[in-house]
Amino acid sequence: MAEPGLLGAYRALLGAQARSQAAYRTSFVVDLLGNVGATVFDLVTVLVLFGVTRELGGFTLREALVIVGLSSFAFATADLLVGNIERLPRYVRTGLFDAVLVRPLAALPQLLLMDLPLRKVSRSVFGLAVLVVAVSSAGIDWTPGRLALVVVAPLAAVVFFGSIFVTTATVSFYWIDSGELANSVTYGGRDFTSYPVTVYDGWFRALFAYGMGFAFVSYHPALALLGRADPLGLPAWVGWAAPGVALVAAGVATLAWRVGIRHYRSTGS
């Protein structure tokens, strides 16, 4: 557990970021509204697809919206809380990471709080609104288990996406120009989880859905909430495995970060 003095330091970093970003209120409000666009686009894309078809991968619009809601909220929230770890390659290249390491605070929390993008909170709120509307209109037969899952699954998905952000960022300890590779996994994963995995096929589905675990962000939890059998034939309990998969992803991210820190060599600047 962090010492009270350290918690105070982290609160001070967060407070400084909040004050600096909200200092120009009009600009901040414009940023809040503008940042909703990416999440709105995910929803509009699905609606456009259903404008020309009644089913997508065997799912109706209401069922697909549950998948979109889970994915949108999880990614937007993880991007808000952890997404600025994408700046790590620049910090390594410029030597700023050296300054982070010499401070008496853990490196990862510092990086996350140094430029916390509070303007992105609007994406998370919009994603939550989509999820609430989707599960409310999907005709779900609510049970105590499903009530618990509708709370736990989105949080597990946030942990999963956050772990992906951290894991891919650590590649910059070995390869500074790894930003595009990291983006292909993080943002590619967001796009992948916005649709039923049944729309994909072959090695691509196997790699992203189960090799990397993205099927447990929205697809399998949505099946469990909707009470649907998996068209791919996996057992029903898989729909409840999201928290376990998120814990595994968090463990991998923790290990990758610790190994990467040990591998890092100072710029000497």
C-alpha atoms as a PDB file:
ATOM      1  CA  MET A   1       0.000   0.000   0.000  1.00  0.00           C
ATOM      2  CA  ALA A   2       1.263   3.441  -0.910  1.00  0.00           C
ATOM      3  CA  GLU A   3       2.385   5.677   1.924  1.00  0.00           C
ATOM      4  CA  PRO A   4       0.186   8.705   2.781  1.00  0.00           C
ATOM      5  CA  GLY A   5       2.896  11.066   1.533  1.00  0.00           C
ATOM      6  CA  LEU A   6       3.029   9.313  -1.832  1.00  0.00           C
ATOM      7  CA  LEU A   7      -0.749   9.394  -2.165  1.00  0.00           C
ATOM      8  CA  GLY A   8      -0.603  13.109  -1.480  1.00  0.00           C
ATOM      9  CA  ALA A   9       1.996  13.544  -4.214  1.00  0.00           C
ATOM     10  CA  TYR A  10      -0.179  11.665  -6.697  1.00  0.00           C
ATOM     11  CA  ARG A  11      -3.191  13.765  -5.722  1.00  0.00           C
ATOM     12  CA  ALA A  12      -1.126  16.896  -6.240  1.00  0.00           C
ATOM     13  CA  LEU A  13      -0.140  15.747  -9.741  1.00  0.00           C
ATOM     14  CA  LEU A  14      -3.764  14.995 -10.585  1.00  0.00           C
ATOM     15  CA  GLY A  15      -4.954  18.305  -9.159  1.00  0.00           C
ATOM     16  CA  ALA A  16      -2.362  20.242 -11.119  1.00  0.00           C
ATOM     17  CA  GLN A  17      -3.451  18.555 -14.331  1.00  0.00           C
ATOM     18  CA  ALA A  18      -7.118  19.245 -13.630  1.00  0.00           C
ATOM     19  CA  ARG A  19      -6.478  22.912 -12.886  1.00  0.00           C
ATOM     20  CA  SER A  20      -4.270  23.455 -15.934  1.00  0.00           C
ATOM     21  CA  GLN A  21      -6.694  21.764 -18.337  1.00  0.00           C
ATOM     22  CA  ALA A  22      -9.755  23.539 -16.944  1.00  0.00           C
ATOM     23  CA  ALA A  23      -8.098  26.966 -16.749  1.00  0.00           C
ATOM     24  CA  TYR A  24      -9.506  27.956 -20.147  1.00  0.00           C
ATOM     25  CA  ARG A  25     -13.074  26.811 -19.673  1.00  0.00           C
ATOM     26  CA  THR A  26     -14.380  27.482 -23.146  1.00  0.00           C
ATOM     27  CA  SER A  27     -11.523  25.579 -24.748  1.00  0.00           C
ATOM     28  CA  PHE A  28     -11.978  22.736 -22.270  1.00  0.00           C
ATOM     29  CA  VAL A  29     -15.712  22.457 -23.005  1.00  0.00           C
ATOM     30  CA  VAL A  30     -15.027  22.472 -26.755  1.00  0.00           C
ATOM     31  CA  ASP A  31     -12.471  19.689 -26.247  1.00  0.00           C
ATOM     32  CA  LEU A  32     -14.988  17.710 -24.201  1.00  0.00           C
ATOM     33  CA  LEU A  33     -17.594  17.932 -26.945  1.00  0.00           C
ATOM     34  CA  GLY A  34     -15.102  17.302 -29.735  1.00  0.00           C
ATOM     35  CA  ASN A  35     -13.755  14.167 -28.090  1.00  0.00           C
ATOM     36  CA  VAL A  36     -17.150  12.475 -28.188  1.00  0.00           C
ATOM     37  CA  GLY A  37     -16.753  12.203 -31.955  1.00  0.00           C
ATOM     38  CA  ALA A  38     -14.636   9.042 -32.019  1.00  0.00           C
ATOM     39  CA  THR A  39     -17.095   7.076 -29.881  1.00  0.00           C
ATOM     40  CA  VAL A  40     -20.088   8.434 -31.789  1.00  0.00           C
ATOM     41  CA  PHE A  41     -18.433   7.289 -35.024  1.00  0.00           C
ATOM     42  CA  ASP A  42     -18.231   3.702 -33.737  1.00  0.00           C
ATOM     43  CA  LEU A  43     -21.953   3.734 -33.029  1.00  0.00           C
ATOM     44  CA  VAL A  44     -22.883   5.413 -36.318  1.00  0.00           C
ATOM     45  CA  THR A  45     -20.848   2.877 -38.293  1.00  0.00           C
ATOM     46  CA  VAL A  46     -22.856   0.020 -36.804  1.00  0.00           C
ATOM     47  CA  LEU A  47     -26.142   1.834 -37.432  1.00  0.00           C
ATOM     48  CA  VAL A  48     -25.162   2.424 -41.055  1.00  0.00           C
ATOM     49  CA  LEU A  49     -24.397  -1.274 -41.509  1.00  0.00           C
ATOM     50  CA  PHE A  50     -27.805  -2.191 -40.152  1.00  0.00           C
ATOM     51  CA  GLY A  51     -29.322   0.230 -42.618  1.00  0.00           C
ATOM     52  CA  VAL A  52     -28.517  -2.273 -45.357  1.00  0.00           C
ATOM     53  CA  THR A  53     -28.897  -5.577 -43.471  1.00  0.00           C
ATOM     54  CA  ARG A  54     -31.164  -7.005 -40.768  1.00  0.00           C
ATOM     55  CA  GLU A  55     -28.422  -9.079 -39.134  1.00  0.00           C
ATOM     56  CA  LEU A  56     -24.689  -8.749 -38.691  1.00  0.00           C
ATOM     57  CA  GLY A  57     -22.825 -11.973 -38.067  1.00  0.00           C
ATOM     58  CA  GLY A  58     -26.097 -13.509 -36.882  1.00  0.00           C
ATOM     59  CA  PHE A  59     -26.891 -10.669 -34.452  1.00  0.00           C
ATOM     60  CA  THR A  60     -29.782  -8.220 -34.559  1.00  0.00           C
ATOM     61  CA  LEU A  61     -29.309  -4.485 -34.083  1.00  0.00           C
ATOM     62  CA  ARG A  62     -30.320  -4.574 -30.421  1.00  0.00           C
ATOM     63  CA  GLU A  63     -27.928  -7.441 -29.724  1.00  0.00           C
ATOM     64  CA  ALA A  64     -25.092  -5.780 -31.633  1.00  0.00           C
ATOM     65  CA  LEU A  65     -25.593  -2.558 -29.672  1.00  0.00           C
ATOM     66  CA  VAL A  66     -24.849  -4.426 -26.444  1.00  0.00           C
ATOM     67  CA  ILE A  67     -21.499  -5.413 -27.974  1.00  0.00           C
ATOM     68  CA  VAL A  68     -20.858  -1.848 -29.139  1.00  0.00           C
ATOM     69  CA  GLY A  69     -21.776  -0.424 -25.730  1.00  0.00           C
ATOM     70  CA  LEU A  70     -19.415  -2.735 -23.854  1.00  0.00           C
ATOM     71  CA  SER A  71     -16.575  -2.027 -26.269  1.00  0.00           C
ATOM     72  CA  SER A  72     -17.093   1.743 -26.463  1.00  0.00           C
ATOM     73  CA  PHE A  73     -17.295   2.292 -22.713  1.00  0.00           C
ATOM     74  CA  ALA A  74     -14.334   0.032 -21.957  1.00  0.00           C
ATOM     75  CA  PHE A  75     -11.993   1.496 -24.545  1.00  0.00           C
ATOM     76  CA  ALA A  76     -12.949   5.114 -23.860  1.00  0.00           C
ATOM     77  CA  THR A  77     -12.442   4.685 -20.117  1.00  0.00           C
ATOM     78  CA  ALA A  78      -9.126   2.865 -20.516  1.00  0.00           C
ATOM     79  CA  ASP A  79      -7.976   5.538 -22.969  1.00  0.00           C
ATOM     80  CA  LEU A  80      -8.899   8.211 -20.421  1.00  0.00           C
ATOM     81  CA  LEU A  81      -7.072   6.528 -17.539  1.00  0.00           C
ATOM     82  CA  VAL A  82      -4.130   4.838 -19.268  1.00  0.00           C
ATOM     83  CA  GLY A  83      -4.067   5.945 -22.904  1.00  0.00           C
ATOM     84  CA  ASN A  84      -1.435   8.639 -22.487  1.00  0.00           C
ATOM     85  CA  ILE A  85       1.126   5.871 -21.860  1.00  0.00           C
ATOM     86  CA  GLU A  86       1.343   6.023 -25.663  1.00  0.00           C
ATOM     87  CA  ARG A  87       3.652   9.013 -25.143  1.00  0.00           C
ATOM     88  CA  LEU A  88       6.308   6.732 -23.668  1.00  0.00           C
ATOM     89  CA  PRO A  89       8.317   6.459 -26.937  1.00  0.00           C
ATOM     90  CA  ARG A  90       8.686  10.261 -26.999  1.00  0.00           C
ATOM     91  CA  TYR A  91       9.696  10.322 -23.335  1.00  0.00           C
ATOM     92  CA  VAL A  92      12.339   7.655 -23.976  1.00  0.00           C
ATOM     93  CA  ARG A  93      13.631   9.393 -27.100  1.00  0.00           C
ATOM     94  CA  THR A  94      13.921  12.840 -25.481  1.00  0.00           C
ATOM     95  CA  GLY A  95      15.281  11.658 -22.131  1.00  0.00           C
ATOM     96  CA  LEU A  96      12.241  12.851 -20.160  1.00  0.00           C
ATOM     97  CA  PHE A  97      11.818   9.323 -18.867  1.00  0.00           C
ATOM     98  CA  ASP A  98      15.127   9.713 -17.021  1.00  0.00           C
ATOM     99  CA  ALA A  99      13.601  12.559 -15.010  1.00  0.00           C
ATOM    100  CA  VAL A 100      10.600  10.370 -14.198  1.00  0.00           C
ATOM    101  CA  LEU A 101      12.835   7.606 -12.860  1.00  0.00           C
ATOM    102  CA  VAL A 102      14.832   9.825 -10.502  1.00  0.00           C
ATOM    103  CA  ARG A 103      11.731  11.096  -8.702  1.00  0.00           C
ATOM    104  CA  PRO A 104      10.718   9.293  -5.481  1.00  0.00           C
ATOM    105  CA  LEU A 105       7.473   8.059  -7.077  1.00  0.00           C
ATOM    106  CA  ALA A 106       6.615   4.976  -9.098  1.00  0.00           C
ATOM    107  CA  ALA A 107       7.253   5.555 -12.800  1.00  0.00           C
ATOM    108  CA  LEU A 108       3.984   4.258 -14.242  1.00  0.00           C
ATOM    109  CA  PRO A 109       1.597   6.332 -12.076  1.00  0.00           C
ATOM    110  CA  GLN A 110       3.699   9.401 -12.825  1.00  0.00           C
ATOM    111  CA  LEU A 111       3.403   8.846 -16.563  1.00  0.00           C
ATOM    112  CA  LEU A 112      -0.341   8.329 -16.326  1.00  0.00           C
ATOM    113  CA  LEU A 113      -0.856  11.489 -14.269  1.00  0.00           C
ATOM    114  CA  MET A 114       1.608  13.746 -16.110  1.00  0.00           C
ATOM    115  CA  ASP A 115      -0.848  14.494 -18.889  1.00  0.00           C
ATOM    116  CA  LEU A 116      -4.126  12.846 -17.907  1.00  0.00           C
ATOM    117  CA  PRO A 117      -6.499  13.752 -20.778  1.00  0.00           C
ATOM    118  CA  LEU A 118      -9.531  14.848 -18.762  1.00  0.00           C
ATOM    119  CA  ARG A 119     -11.153  16.085 -21.974  1.00  0.00           C
ATOM    120  CA  LYS A 120     -11.682  12.436 -22.892  1.00  0.00           C
ATOM    121  CA  VAL A 121     -14.099  11.920 -20.017  1.00  0.00           C
ATOM    122  CA  SER A 122     -16.911  12.768 -22.435  1.00  0.00           C
ATOM    123  CA  ARG A 123     -16.096   9.653 -24.480  1.00  0.00           C
ATOM    124  CA  SER A 124     -16.399   7.476 -21.418  1.00  0.00           C
ATOM    125  CA  VAL A 125     -19.703   9.052 -20.406  1.00  0.00           C
ATOM    126  CA  PHE A 126     -21.108   8.632 -23.912  1.00  0.00           C
ATOM    127  CA  GLY A 127     -19.942   5.009 -24.048  1.00  0.00           C
ATOM    128  CA  LEU A 128     -21.643   4.349 -20.713  1.00  0.00           C
ATOM    129  CA  ALA A 129     -24.843   5.938 -22.025  1.00  0.00           C
ATOM    130  CA  VAL A 130     -24.764   3.681 -25.103  1.00  0.00           C
ATOM    131  CA  LEU A 131     -24.252   0.631 -22.887  1.00  0.00           C
ATOM    132  CA  VAL A 132     -27.102   1.553 -20.533  1.00  0.00           C
ATOM    133  CA  VAL A 133     -29.526   2.165 -23.415  1.00  0.00           C
ATOM    134  CA  ALA A 134     -28.405  -1.031 -25.171  1.00  0.00           C
ATOM    135  CA  VAL A 135     -28.861  -3.363 -22.202  1.00  0.00           C
ATOM    136  CA  SER A 136     -32.137  -1.661 -21.289  1.00  0.00           C
ATOM    137  CA  SER A 137     -33.644  -2.239 -24.736  1.00  0.00           C
ATOM    138  CA  ALA A 138     -32.207  -5.674 -25.553  1.00  0.00           C
ATOM    139  CA  GLY A 139     -34.914  -7.650 -23.751  1.00  0.00           C
ATOM    140  CA  ILE A 140     -32.461  -9.258 -21.325  1.00  0.00           C
ATOM    141  CA  ASP A 141     -33.914 -11.768 -18.846  1.00  0.00           C
ATOM    142  CA  TRP A 142     -32.322 -10.295 -15.745  1.00  0.00           C
ATOM    143  CA  THR A 143     -31.029 -12.624 -13.062  1.00  0.00           C
ATOM    144  CA  PRO A 144     -28.728 -11.851 -10.103  1.00  0.00           C
ATOM    145  CA  GLY A 145     -25.837 -13.286 -12.105  1.00  0.00           C
ATOM    146  CA  ARG A 146     -26.507 -11.098 -15.120  1.00  0.00           C
ATOM    147  CA  LEU A 147     -26.952  -8.031 -12.933  1.00  0.00           C
ATOM    148  CA  ALA A 148     -23.506  -8.710 -11.502  1.00  0.00           C
ATOM    149  CA  LEU A 149     -22.052  -9.379 -14.953  1.00  0.00           C
ATOM    150  CA  VAL A 150     -23.359  -6.126 -16.443  1.00  0.00           C
ATOM    151  CA  VAL A 151     -21.330  -4.291 -13.781  1.00  0.00           C
ATOM    152  CA  VAL A 152     -18.239  -6.491 -13.648  1.00  0.00           C
ATOM    153  CA  ALA A 153     -17.784  -7.166 -17.388  1.00  0.00           C
ATOM    154  CA  PRO A 154     -17.349  -3.485 -18.413  1.00  0.00           C
ATOM    155  CA  LEU A 155     -14.876  -2.929 -15.571  1.00  0.00           C
ATOM    156  CA  ALA A 156     -12.963  -6.062 -16.554  1.00  0.00           C
ATOM    157  CA  ALA A 157     -12.868  -4.781 -20.134  1.00  0.00           C
ATOM    158  CA  VAL A 158     -11.410  -1.471 -18.907  1.00  0.00           C
ATOM    159  CA  VAL A 159      -8.668  -3.401 -17.106  1.00  0.00           C
ATOM    160  CA  PHE A 160      -8.065  -5.490 -20.233  1.00  0.00           C
ATOM    161  CA  PHE A 161      -7.734  -2.482 -22.561  1.00  0.00           C
ATOM    162  CA  GLY A 162      -5.582  -0.664 -19.999  1.00  0.00           C
ATOM    163  CA  SER A 163      -3.295  -3.689 -19.848  1.00  0.00           C
ATOM    164  CA  ILE A 164      -3.038  -3.703 -23.644  1.00  0.00           C
ATOM    165  CA  PHE A 165      -2.049  -0.026 -23.607  1.00  0.00           C
ATOM    166  CA  VAL A 166       0.713  -0.672 -21.069  1.00  0.00           C
ATOM    167  CA  THR A 167       1.980  -3.884 -22.659  1.00  0.00           C
ATOM    168  CA  THR A 168       2.270  -2.404 -26.145  1.00  0.00           C
ATOM    169  CA  ALA A 169       3.897   0.775 -24.797  1.00  0.00           C
ATOM    170  CA  THR A 170       6.703  -1.234 -23.190  1.00  0.00           C
ATOM    171  CA  VAL A 171       7.908  -2.231 -26.665  1.00  0.00           C
ATOM    172  CA  SER A 172       9.420   1.271 -26.859  1.00  0.00           C
ATOM    173  CA  PHE A 173      12.021   0.222 -24.280  1.00  0.00           C
ATOM    174  CA  TYR A 174      13.453  -2.013 -27.001  1.00  0.00           C
ATOM    175  CA  TRP A 175      12.267  -0.279 -30.184  1.00  0.00           C
ATOM    176  CA  ILE A 176      11.625   3.452 -29.927  1.00  0.00           C
ATOM    177  CA  ASP A 177       9.724   3.750 -33.203  1.00  0.00           C
ATOM    178  CA  SER A 178       7.087   1.218 -32.160  1.00  0.00           C
ATOM    179  CA  GLY A 179       4.149   3.615 -32.009  1.00  0.00           C
ATOM    180  CA  GLU A 180       2.378   2.373 -35.124  1.00  0.00           C
ATOM    181  CA  LEU A 181       2.693  -1.227 -33.993  1.00  0.00           C
ATOM    182  CA  ALA A 182       1.177  -0.344 -30.631  1.00  0.00           C
ATOM    183  CA  ASN A 183      -1.676   1.575 -32.279  1.00  0.00           C
ATOM    184  CA  SER A 184      -2.479  -1.352 -34.544  1.00  0.00           C
ATOM    185  CA  VAL A 185      -3.103  -3.466 -31.456  1.00  0.00           C
ATOM    186  CA  THR A 186      -4.866  -0.928 -29.205  1.00  0.00           C
ATOM    187  CA  TYR A 187      -7.046   0.867 -31.753  1.00  0.00           C
ATOM    188  CA  GLY A 188      -7.295  -2.236 -33.910  1.00  0.00           C
ATOM    189  CA  GLY A 189      -8.565  -4.063 -30.836  1.00  0.00           C
ATOM    190  CA  ARG A 190     -11.172  -1.369 -30.267  1.00  0.00           C
ATOM    191  CA  ASP A 191     -12.462  -1.775 -33.811  1.00  0.00           C
ATOM    192  CA  PHE A 192     -12.383  -5.574 -33.526  1.00  0.00           C
ATOM    193  CA  THR A 193     -14.465  -5.600 -30.333  1.00  0.00           C
ATOM    194  CA  SER A 194     -17.119  -3.288 -31.784  1.00  0.00           C
ATOM    195  CA  TYR A 195     -18.564  -6.136 -33.858  1.00  0.00           C
ATOM    196  CA  PRO A 196     -19.547  -9.759 -33.228  1.00  0.00           C
ATOM    197  CA  VAL A 197     -16.488 -11.965 -33.749  1.00  0.00           C
ATOM    198  CA  THR A 198     -18.601 -14.056 -36.103  1.00  0.00           C
ATOM    199  CA  VAL A 199     -18.061 -11.431 -38.812  1.00  0.00           C
ATOM    200  CA  TYR A 200     -14.360 -12.380 -38.853  1.00  0.00           C
ATOM    201  CA  ASP A 201     -12.862 -15.653 -39.976  1.00  0.00           C
ATOM    202  CA  GLY A 202      -9.755 -17.784 -40.128  1.00  0.00           C
ATOM    203  CA  TRP A 203      -6.428 -16.871 -38.537  1.00  0.00           C
ATOM    204  CA  PHE A 204      -7.436 -13.236 -38.011  1.00  0.00           C
ATOM    205  CA  ARG A 205     -10.325 -14.203 -35.725  1.00  0.00           C
ATOM    206  CA  ALA A 206      -8.234 -16.823 -33.952  1.00  0.00           C
ATOM    207  CA  LEU A 207      -5.414 -14.345 -33.308  1.00  0.00           C
ATOM    208  CA  PHE A 208      -7.382 -11.328 -32.136  1.00  0.00           C
ATOM    209  CA  ALA A 209     -10.359 -13.041 -30.510  1.00  0.00           C
ATOM    210  CA  TYR A 210      -8.617 -15.794 -28.571  1.00  0.00           C
ATOM    211  CA  GLY A 211      -4.866 -15.491 -29.035  1.00  0.00           C
ATOM    212  CA  MET A 212      -4.959 -11.923 -27.710  1.00  0.00           C
ATOM    213  CA  GLY A 213      -8.227 -12.242 -25.777  1.00  0.00           C
ATOM    214  CA  PHE A 214     -10.313  -9.504 -27.401  1.00  0.00           C
ATOM    215  CA  ALA A 215     -13.360 -11.791 -27.649  1.00  0.00           C
ATOM    216  CA  PHE A 216     -13.746 -11.444 -23.870  1.00  0.00           C
ATOM    217  CA  VAL A 217     -14.117  -7.654 -23.987  1.00  0.00           C
ATOM    218  CA  SER A 218     -17.613  -7.513 -25.430  1.00  0.00           C
ATOM    219  CA  TYR A 219     -18.586 -10.571 -27.501  1.00  0.00           C
ATOM    220  CA  HIS A 220     -18.697 -13.300 -24.856  1.00  0.00           C
ATOM    221  CA  PRO A 221     -20.055 -11.052 -22.057  1.00  0.00           C
ATOM    222  CA  ALA A 222     -22.801  -9.929 -24.469  1.00  0.00           C
ATOM    223  CA  LEU A 223     -23.709 -13.562 -25.204  1.00  0.00           C
ATOM    224  CA  ALA A 224     -23.984 -14.271 -21.482  1.00  0.00           C
ATOM    225  CA  LEU A 225     -26.133 -11.184 -20.886  1.00  0.00           C
ATOM    226  CA  LEU A 226     -28.401 -11.989 -23.825  1.00  0.00           C
ATOM    227  CA  GLY A 227     -28.664 -15.669 -22.901  1.00  0.00           C
ATOM    228  CA  ARG A 228     -27.517 -16.698 -26.370  1.00  0.00           C
ATOM    229  CA  ALA A 229     -25.565 -19.789 -27.290  1.00  0.00           C
ATOM    230  CA  ASP A 230     -22.242 -19.065 -28.956  1.00  0.00           C
ATOM    231  CA  PRO A 231     -22.552 -19.537 -32.751  1.00  0.00           C
ATOM    232  CA  LEU A 232     -18.920 -20.685 -32.689  1.00  0.00           C
ATOM    233  CA  GLY A 233     -19.809 -23.538 -30.331  1.00  0.00           C
ATOM    234  CA  LEU A 234     -17.962 -22.514 -27.151  1.00  0.00           C
ATOM    235  CA  PRO A 235     -19.661 -23.423 -23.838  1.00  0.00           C
ATOM    236  CA  ALA A 236     -21.875 -20.924 -22.010  1.00  0.00           C
ATOM    237  CA  TRP A 237     -19.460 -20.468 -19.086  1.00  0.00           C
ATOM    238  CA  VAL A 238     -16.992 -18.710 -21.423  1.00  0.00           C
ATOM    239  CA  GLY A 239     -19.265 -15.670 -21.289  1.00  0.00           C
ATOM    240  CA  TRP A 240     -18.427 -15.283 -17.608  1.00  0.00           C
ATOM    241  CA  ALA A 241     -14.662 -15.563 -18.051  1.00  0.00           C
ATOM    242  CA  ALA A 242     -13.989 -11.866 -18.760  1.00  0.00           C
ATOM    243  CA  PRO A 243     -12.754 -10.983 -15.231  1.00  0.00           C
ATOM    244  CA  GLY A 244     -10.269 -13.874 -15.308  1.00  0.00           C
ATOM    245  CA  VAL A 245      -8.983 -12.883 -18.734  1.00  0.00           C
ATOM    246  CA  ALA A 246      -8.595  -9.280 -17.532  1.00  0.00           C
ATOM    247  CA  LEU A 247      -6.540 -10.442 -14.546  1.00  0.00           C
ATOM    248  CA  VAL A 248      -4.272 -12.451 -16.838  1.00  0.00           C
ATOM    249  CA  ALA A 249      -3.850  -9.414 -19.116  1.00  0.00           C
ATOM    250  CA  ALA A 250      -3.022  -7.237 -16.091  1.00  0.00           C
ATOM    251  CA  GLY A 251      -0.432  -9.778 -14.955  1.00  0.00           C
ATOM    252  CA  VAL A 252       1.183  -9.801 -18.396  1.00  0.00           C
ATOM    253  CA  ALA A 253       1.238  -5.991 -18.458  1.00  0.00           C
ATOM    254  CA  THR A 254       2.830  -5.849 -14.987  1.00  0.00           C
ATOM    255  CA  LEU A 255       5.518  -8.316 -15.982  1.00  0.00           C
ATOM    256  CA  ALA A 256       6.179  -6.563 -19.301  1.00  0.00           C
ATOM    257  CA  TRP A 257       6.520  -3.196 -17.530  1.00  0.00           C
ATOM    258  CA  ARG A 258       8.921  -4.497 -14.889  1.00  0.00           C
ATOM    259  CA  VAL A 259      11.103  -6.272 -17.439  1.00  0.00           C
ATOM    260  CA  GLY A 260      11.050  -3.217 -19.696  1.00  0.00           C
ATOM    261  CA  ILE A 261      12.123  -0.899 -16.871  1.00  0.00           C
ATOM    262  CA  ARG A 262      15.062  -3.191 -16.111  1.00  0.00           C
ATOM    263  CA  HIS A 263      16.020  -3.235 -19.783  1.00  0.00           C
ATOM    264  CA  TYR A 264      15.846   0.556 -20.158  1.00  0.00           C
ATOM    265  CA  ARG A 265      19.141   2.368 -20.569  1.00  0.00           C
ATOM    266  CA  SER A 266      19.376   6.079 -19.821  1.00  0.00           C
ATOM    267  CA  THR A 267      19.919   8.515 -22.653  1.00  0.00           C
ATOM    268  CA  GLY A 268      22.659  10.097 -20.536  1.00  0.00           C
ATOM    269  CA  SER A 269      21.166  13.536 -21.084  1.00  0.00           C
END
